[in-house]
Amino acid sequence: ISFCALLQIKGLPEGFAYPKIGSNYSLRTVEKTWKALQDFKEGNAIFTFPNTPVKCAGAPQKIMYLSEAYFRKTGKRSKANIIFNTSLGTIFGVKKYADALQKIIQERNITVNYKQNLIEVRADKQEAVFENLDKPGETQVISYEMLHVTPPMSPPDVLKTSPLADAAGWVDVDKETLQHKKYPNVFGIGDCTNLPTSKTAAAVAAQSGILDRTISMIMKNRTPTRKYDGYTSCPLVTSYNRVILAEFDYDAQPLETFPFDQSKERLSMYLMKADMMPFLYWNMLLRGYWGGPAFLRKLFHLGMS
């Protein structure tokens, strides 16, 4: 994430020179998040979600849950008022997982405020200013003892100014074939595209598997038959050793790989996230050998999905 994105928030990035504020989205600021956690004494711990598409929509929540677990571990939880201010209107876009997360939020006494967008940070006063997206122009100032900022995100300028981009700046591709809508010799996958699904490595893997077959067919002058269904995955880390493994499609319907309820917090899913997924990423996905878990899903569900 470029620091230029933070310029959309008044008071940033220069506000990161002050203590008690951090962001896991930059090498320059990620250690400040840890320092803010360690130095926390009492008061508001605020976590934000911007009014833009973001890299993995579940990620801004993960640091919140991990921070809550850290406060419990260090005996600071009773002195911490944990607040998640999100520009979205729901905690998660898939109802099954949203319901599970709502239970966790309630059990852990976390405050969630919807349609709240961070527009200014007054780091010298330890104040964060949020705009109510339902009532533009209406703002609220909240003091903080700790603030984690998820920055606004956008396509890079090289794409925004390219003829390949749509009006919003993303590469304009067909959501099923991944072929450019205007230039048939161009295909796109991953975070740069306007595909209406979450921008995750899991989505890239599934897209690459489809694209591999699609390009091979087109090069043989044959009509592609494989279509991308929007599969993506978001491993929601909810504590030091538990994960809810959200998997879903374009229609925000669960598309789970394993033959059990993945909306439950599980140690097994945490171990897969911590140990197996990095191996798949570095040794399989980046080398073109991993096209997503669709074949495993069919195996585990006896070919029914």
Foldseek 3Di string as FASTA:
>chain_A
DDQVLVVQAAPPPVLLVFAQEFECPDPVGNVSQVVLLVPFAADEAEFEAAPAADQFRLVSVQVLLASCQSCVVVVNNVRYAYEYEYLAPANDDAVLLSVLVVVLCVVSVHHYHYNWHFRYAPSVQQKTKTARNVDGPDIDIGHHSHYYYDGHDAADPVQQPDPQQDPRRARAADLWQQARPPDRVDGDFADRHPRQEHRYVQRRLQNLVSNVQCVVQVVVVHHRDGTAFAWDWHFRNNYPQWTQIAIDGNVSYGDDLAPDHSSDIDNVSSCCVVPVVVCCVPPARVVPRGNHRPVSSCVNVVNPD
